[in-house]
Amino acid sequence: MSSESAQLAHIAAALAAAPSAPFGLTRKTMWAILGVVLAVTGGCVGLVWLLPEAAQAEERQ
């Protein structure tokens, strides 16, 4: 998971340093896309963390 964080930090740093976004997109659009990617990644990490907890709780009942 730390390698994913490092990659995302590198992407964020590259976007901040870029004079303009690629493919004719605005920087605001690129930041919005990055935000969605971070939200989805965080949601997936949360599910991976919560699903085993839920399975263990169900087994205890």
PDB file of N, CA and C in Angstrom:
ATOM      1  N   MET A   1       0.833  -1.193   0.000  1.00  0.00           N
ATOM      2  CA  MET A   1       0.000   0.000   0.000  1.00  0.00           C
ATOM      3  C   MET A   1       0.874   1.252   0.000  1.00  0.00           C
ATOM      4  N   SER A   2       2.041   1.188   0.588  1.00  0.00           N
ATOM      5  CA  SER A   2       2.893   2.367   0.619  1.00  0.00           C
ATOM      6  C   SER A   2       3.409   2.711  -0.775  1.00  0.00           C
ATOM      7  N   SER A   3       3.608   1.709  -1.624  1.00  0.00           N
ATOM      8  CA  SER A   3       4.049   2.003  -2.988  1.00  0.00           C
ATOM      9  C   SER A   3       2.956   2.728  -3.762  1.00  0.00           C
ATOM     10  N   GLU A   4       1.669   2.392  -3.495  1.00  0.00           N
ATOM     11  CA  GLU A   4       0.570   3.109  -4.134  1.00  0.00           C
ATOM     12  C   GLU A   4       0.550   4.561  -3.674  1.00  0.00           C
ATOM     13  N   SER A   5       0.771   4.774  -2.396  1.00  0.00           N
ATOM     14  CA  SER A   5       0.791   6.136  -1.870  1.00  0.00           C
ATOM     15  C   SER A   5       1.924   6.933  -2.491  1.00  0.00           C
ATOM     16  N   ALA A   6       3.066   6.298  -2.652  1.00  0.00           N
ATOM     17  CA  ALA A   6       4.212   6.972  -3.256  1.00  0.00           C
ATOM     18  C   ALA A   6       3.918   7.320  -4.712  1.00  0.00           C
ATOM     19  N   GLN A   7       3.266   6.413  -5.432  1.00  0.00           N
ATOM     20  CA  GLN A   7       2.928   6.682  -6.827  1.00  0.00           C
ATOM     21  C   GLN A   7       1.945   7.841  -6.926  1.00  0.00           C
ATOM     22  N   LEU A   8       0.928   7.842  -6.057  1.00  0.00           N
ATOM     23  CA  LEU A   8      -0.063   8.913  -6.089  1.00  0.00           C
ATOM     24  C   LEU A   8       0.560  10.256  -5.717  1.00  0.00           C
ATOM     25  N   ALA A   9       1.486  10.238  -4.759  1.00  0.00           N
ATOM     26  CA  ALA A   9       2.178  11.470  -4.393  1.00  0.00           C
ATOM     27  C   ALA A   9       3.027  11.973  -5.557  1.00  0.00           C
ATOM     28  N   HIS A  10       3.644  11.057  -6.275  1.00  0.00           N
ATOM     29  CA  HIS A  10       4.452  11.431  -7.436  1.00  0.00           C
ATOM     30  C   HIS A  10       3.571  12.034  -8.525  1.00  0.00           C
ATOM     31  N   ILE A  11       2.401  11.445  -8.751  1.00  0.00           N
ATOM     32  CA  ILE A  11       1.472  11.970  -9.753  1.00  0.00           C
ATOM     33  C   ILE A  11       1.005  13.371  -9.358  1.00  0.00           C
ATOM     34  N   ALA A  12       0.671  13.535  -8.069  1.00  0.00           N
ATOM     35  CA  ALA A  12       0.215  14.844  -7.598  1.00  0.00           C
ATOM     36  C   ALA A  12       1.312  15.899  -7.763  1.00  0.00           C
ATOM     37  N   ALA A  13       2.554  15.526  -7.458  1.00  0.00           N
ATOM     38  CA  ALA A  13       3.673  16.455  -7.602  1.00  0.00           C
ATOM     39  C   ALA A  13       3.892  16.817  -9.075  1.00  0.00           C
ATOM     40  N   ALA A  14       3.752  15.835  -9.954  1.00  0.00           N
ATOM     41  CA  ALA A  14       3.926  16.090 -11.383  1.00  0.00           C
ATOM     42  C   ALA A  14       2.831  17.016 -11.898  1.00  0.00           C
ATOM     43  N   LEU A  15       1.597  16.825 -11.428  1.00  0.00           N
ATOM     44  CA  LEU A  15       0.505  17.702 -11.850  1.00  0.00           C
ATOM     45  C   LEU A  15       0.712  19.123 -11.350  1.00  0.00           C
ATOM     46  N   ALA A  16       1.194  19.251 -10.121  1.00  0.00           N
ATOM     47  CA  ALA A  16       1.412  20.578  -9.557  1.00  0.00           C
ATOM     48  C   ALA A  16       2.534  21.316 -10.294  1.00  0.00           C
ATOM     49  N   ALA A  17       3.535  20.586 -10.760  1.00  0.00           N
ATOM     50  CA  ALA A  17       4.673  21.203 -11.427  1.00  0.00           C
ATOM     51  C   ALA A  17       4.421  21.459 -12.914  1.00  0.00           C
ATOM     52  N   ALA A  18       3.439  20.777 -13.490  1.00  0.00           N
ATOM     53  CA  ALA A  18       3.197  20.914 -14.925  1.00  0.00           C
ATOM     54  C   ALA A  18       2.626  22.286 -15.252  1.00  0.00           C
ATOM     55  N   PRO A  19       3.141  22.940 -16.287  1.00  0.00           N
ATOM     56  CA  PRO A  19       2.600  24.250 -16.669  1.00  0.00           C
ATOM     57  C   PRO A  19       1.177  24.139 -17.207  1.00  0.00           C
ATOM     58  N   SER A  20       0.872  23.043 -17.877  1.00  0.00           N
ATOM     59  CA  SER A  20      -0.484  22.811 -18.355  1.00  0.00           C
ATOM     60  C   SER A  20      -0.739  21.311 -18.370  1.00  0.00           C
ATOM     61  N   ALA A  21      -1.988  20.938 -18.310  1.00  0.00           N
ATOM     62  CA  ALA A  21      -2.346  19.529 -18.283  1.00  0.00           C
ATOM     63  C   ALA A  21      -2.250  18.930 -19.690  1.00  0.00           C
ATOM     64  N   PRO A  22      -1.983  17.628 -19.775  1.00  0.00           N
ATOM     65  CA  PRO A  22      -1.906  16.989 -21.082  1.00  0.00           C
ATOM     66  C   PRO A  22      -3.277  16.833 -21.730  1.00  0.00           C
ATOM     67  N   PHE A  23      -3.288  16.546 -23.012  1.00  0.00           N
ATOM     68  CA  PHE A  23      -4.495  16.257 -23.789  1.00  0.00           C
ATOM     69  C   PHE A  23      -5.474  17.426 -23.824  1.00  0.00           C
ATOM     70  N   GLY A  24      -5.008  18.631 -23.583  1.00  0.00           N
ATOM     71  CA  GLY A  24      -5.863  19.795 -23.669  1.00  0.00           C
ATOM     72  C   GLY A  24      -6.824  19.967 -22.502  1.00  0.00           C
ATOM     73  N   LEU A  25      -6.681  19.170 -21.458  1.00  0.00           N
ATOM     74  CA  LEU A  25      -7.542  19.303 -20.287  1.00  0.00           C
ATOM     75  C   LEU A  25      -7.014  20.420 -19.392  1.00  0.00           C
ATOM     76  N   THR A  26      -7.886  21.040 -18.665  1.00  0.00           N
ATOM     77  CA  THR A  26      -7.451  22.081 -17.742  1.00  0.00           C
ATOM     78  C   THR A  26      -6.867  21.434 -16.492  1.00  0.00           C
ATOM     79  N   ARG A  27      -6.080  22.213 -15.769  1.00  0.00           N
ATOM     80  CA  ARG A  27      -5.503  21.686 -14.529  1.00  0.00           C
ATOM     81  C   ARG A  27      -6.594  21.352 -13.527  1.00  0.00           C
ATOM     82  N   LYS A  28      -7.667  22.139 -13.529  1.00  0.00           N
ATOM     83  CA  LYS A  28      -8.776  21.880 -12.608  1.00  0.00           C
ATOM     84  C   LYS A  28      -9.395  20.511 -12.900  1.00  0.00           C
ATOM     85  N   THR A  29      -9.541  20.193 -14.177  1.00  0.00           N
ATOM     86  CA  THR A  29     -10.087  18.889 -14.560  1.00  0.00           C
ATOM     87  C   THR A  29      -9.144  17.769 -14.143  1.00  0.00           C
ATOM     88  N   MET A  30      -7.855  17.978 -14.326  1.00  0.00           N
ATOM     89  CA  MET A  30      -6.886  16.952 -13.935  1.00  0.00           C
ATOM     90  C   MET A  30      -6.913  16.722 -12.427  1.00  0.00           C
ATOM     91  N   TRP A  31      -7.041  17.793 -11.641  1.00  0.00           N
ATOM     92  CA  TRP A  31      -7.133  17.633 -10.191  1.00  0.00           C
ATOM     93  C   TRP A  31      -8.420  16.923  -9.803  1.00  0.00           C
ATOM     94  N   ALA A  32      -9.503  17.185 -10.523  1.00  0.00           N
ATOM     95  CA  ALA A  32     -10.770  16.497 -10.249  1.00  0.00           C
ATOM     96  C   ALA A  32     -10.636  15.001 -10.522  1.00  0.00           C
ATOM     97  N   ILE A  33      -9.976  14.663 -11.631  1.00  0.00           N
ATOM     98  CA  ILE A  33      -9.744  13.249 -11.962  1.00  0.00           C
ATOM     99  C   ILE A  33      -8.888  12.597 -10.889  1.00  0.00           C
ATOM    100  N   LEU A  34      -7.844  13.275 -10.447  1.00  0.00           N
ATOM    101  CA  LEU A  34      -6.986  12.741  -9.397  1.00  0.00           C
ATOM    102  C   LEU A  34      -7.776  12.542  -8.113  1.00  0.00           C
ATOM    103  N   GLY A  35      -8.666  13.472  -7.783  1.00  0.00           N
ATOM    104  CA  GLY A  35      -9.498  13.322  -6.595  1.00  0.00           C
ATOM    105  C   GLY A  35     -10.395  12.108  -6.670  1.00  0.00           C
ATOM    106  N   VAL A  36     -10.978  11.876  -7.839  1.00  0.00           N
ATOM    107  CA  VAL A  36     -11.833  10.691  -8.014  1.00  0.00           C
ATOM    108  C   VAL A  36     -11.004   9.417  -7.874  1.00  0.00           C
ATOM    109  N   VAL A  37      -9.813   9.411  -8.461  1.00  0.00           N
ATOM    110  CA  VAL A  37      -8.937   8.239  -8.354  1.00  0.00           C
ATOM    111  C   VAL A  37      -8.576   7.980  -6.894  1.00  0.00           C
ATOM    112  N   LEU A  38      -8.255   9.031  -6.157  1.00  0.00           N
ATOM    113  CA  LEU A  38      -7.930   8.865  -4.742  1.00  0.00           C
ATOM    114  C   LEU A  38      -9.127   8.355  -3.950  1.00  0.00           C
ATOM    115  N   ALA A  39     -10.324   8.858  -4.247  1.00  0.00           N
ATOM    116  CA  ALA A  39     -11.523   8.412  -3.543  1.00  0.00           C
ATOM    117  C   ALA A  39     -11.805   6.936  -3.826  1.00  0.00           C
ATOM    118  N   VAL A  40     -11.674   6.537  -5.078  1.00  0.00           N
ATOM    119  CA  VAL A  40     -11.912   5.132  -5.435  1.00  0.00           C
ATOM    120  C   VAL A  40     -10.871   4.236  -4.781  1.00  0.00           C
ATOM    121  N   THR A  41      -9.606   4.656  -4.808  1.00  0.00           N
ATOM    122  CA  THR A  41      -8.544   3.874  -4.181  1.00  0.00           C
ATOM    123  C   THR A  41      -8.801   3.738  -2.685  1.00  0.00           C
ATOM    124  N   GLY A  42      -9.176   4.841  -2.042  1.00  0.00           N
ATOM    125  CA  GLY A  42      -9.480   4.797  -0.613  1.00  0.00           C
ATOM    126  C   GLY A  42     -10.660   3.894  -0.314  1.00  0.00           C
ATOM    127  N   GLY A  43     -11.674   3.920  -1.166  1.00  0.00           N
ATOM    128  CA  GLY A  43     -12.828   3.046  -0.979  1.00  0.00           C
ATOM    129  C   GLY A  43     -12.458   1.587  -1.109  1.00  0.00           C
ATOM    130  N   CYS A  44     -11.611   1.264  -2.077  1.00  0.00           N
ATOM    131  CA  CYS A  44     -11.177  -0.127  -2.259  1.00  0.00           C
ATOM    132  C   CYS A  44     -10.349  -0.596  -1.066  1.00  0.00           C
ATOM    133  N   VAL A  45      -9.468   0.267  -0.593  1.00  0.00           N
ATOM    134  CA  VAL A  45      -8.653  -0.086   0.576  1.00  0.00           C
ATOM    135  C   VAL A  45      -9.556  -0.292   1.790  1.00  0.00           C
ATOM    136  N   GLY A  46     -10.557   0.557   1.946  1.00  0.00           N
ATOM    137  CA  GLY A  46     -11.506   0.406   3.047  1.00  0.00           C
ATOM    138  C   GLY A  46     -12.264  -0.909   2.971  1.00  0.00           C
ATOM    139  N   LEU A  47     -12.697  -1.290   1.774  1.00  0.00           N
ATOM    140  CA  LEU A  47     -13.400  -2.566   1.619  1.00  0.00           C
ATOM    141  C   LEU A  47     -12.497  -3.742   1.936  1.00  0.00           C
ATOM    142  N   VAL A  48     -11.264  -3.696   1.458  1.00  0.00           N
ATOM    143  CA  VAL A  48     -10.321  -4.782   1.730  1.00  0.00           C
ATOM    144  C   VAL A  48     -10.083  -4.908   3.230  1.00  0.00           C
ATOM    145  N   TRP A  49     -10.112  -3.783   3.931  1.00  0.00           N
ATOM    146  CA  TRP A  49      -9.888  -3.801   5.377  1.00  0.00           C
ATOM    147  C   TRP A  49     -11.137  -4.255   6.131  1.00  0.00           C
ATOM    148  N   LEU A  50     -12.320  -3.839   5.655  1.00  0.00           N
ATOM    149  CA  LEU A  50     -13.549  -4.139   6.377  1.00  0.00           C
ATOM    150  C   LEU A  50     -14.107  -5.530   6.110  1.00  0.00           C
ATOM    151  N   LEU A  51     -13.944  -6.054   4.914  1.00  0.00           N
ATOM    152  CA  LEU A  51     -14.543  -7.344   4.593  1.00  0.00           C
ATOM    153  C   LEU A  51     -14.031  -8.478   5.484  1.00  0.00           C
ATOM    154  N   PRO A  52     -12.740  -8.609   5.738  1.00  0.00           N
ATOM    155  CA  PRO A  52     -12.294  -9.669   6.654  1.00  0.00           C
ATOM    156  C   PRO A  52     -12.847  -9.460   8.075  1.00  0.00           C
ATOM    157  N   GLU A  53     -12.960  -8.208   8.504  1.00  0.00           N
ATOM    158  CA  GLU A  53     -13.533  -7.926   9.826  1.00  0.00           C
ATOM    159  C   GLU A  53     -14.980  -8.399   9.887  1.00  0.00           C
ATOM    160  N   ALA A  54     -15.743  -8.142   8.845  1.00  0.00           N
ATOM    161  CA  ALA A  54     -17.144  -8.553   8.809  1.00  0.00           C
ATOM    162  C   ALA A  54     -17.257 -10.074   8.785  1.00  0.00           C
ATOM    163  N   ALA A  55     -16.377 -10.745   8.056  1.00  0.00           N
ATOM    164  CA  ALA A  55     -16.404 -12.204   8.002  1.00  0.00           C
ATOM    165  C   ALA A  55     -16.080 -12.805   9.361  1.00  0.00           C
ATOM    166  N   GLN A  56     -15.124 -12.225  10.061  1.00  0.00           N
ATOM    167  CA  GLN A  56     -14.773 -12.728  11.394  1.00  0.00           C
ATOM    168  C   GLN A  56     -15.916 -12.499  12.371  1.00  0.00           C
ATOM    169  N   ALA A  57     -16.574 -11.372  12.288  1.00  0.00           N
ATOM    170  CA  ALA A  57     -17.709 -11.079  13.171  1.00  0.00           C
ATOM    171  C   ALA A  57     -18.859 -12.053  12.906  1.00  0.00           C
ATOM    172  N   GLU A  58     -19.059 -12.391  11.650  1.00  0.00           N
ATOM    173  CA  GLU A  58     -20.133 -13.327  11.304  1.00  0.00           C
ATOM    174  C   GLU A  58     -19.809 -14.722  11.816  1.00  0.00           C
ATOM    175  N   GLU A  59     -18.529 -15.119  11.773  1.00  0.00           N
ATOM    176  CA  GLU A  59     -18.136 -16.433  12.269  1.00  0.00           C
ATOM    177  C   GLU A  59     -18.319 -16.542  13.775  1.00  0.00           C
ATOM    178  N   ARG A  60     -18.126 -15.426  14.492  1.00  0.00           N
ATOM    179  CA  ARG A  60     -18.255 -15.440  15.952  1.00  0.00           C
ATOM    180  C   ARG A  60     -19.694 -15.605  16.413  1.00  0.00           C
ATOM    181  N   GLN A  61     -20.629 -15.256  15.567  1.00  0.00           N
ATOM    182  CA  GLN A  61     -22.038 -15.330  15.978  1.00  0.00           C
ATOM    183  C   GLN A  61     -22.578 -16.726  15.964  1.00  0.00           C
TER     184      GLN A  61
END
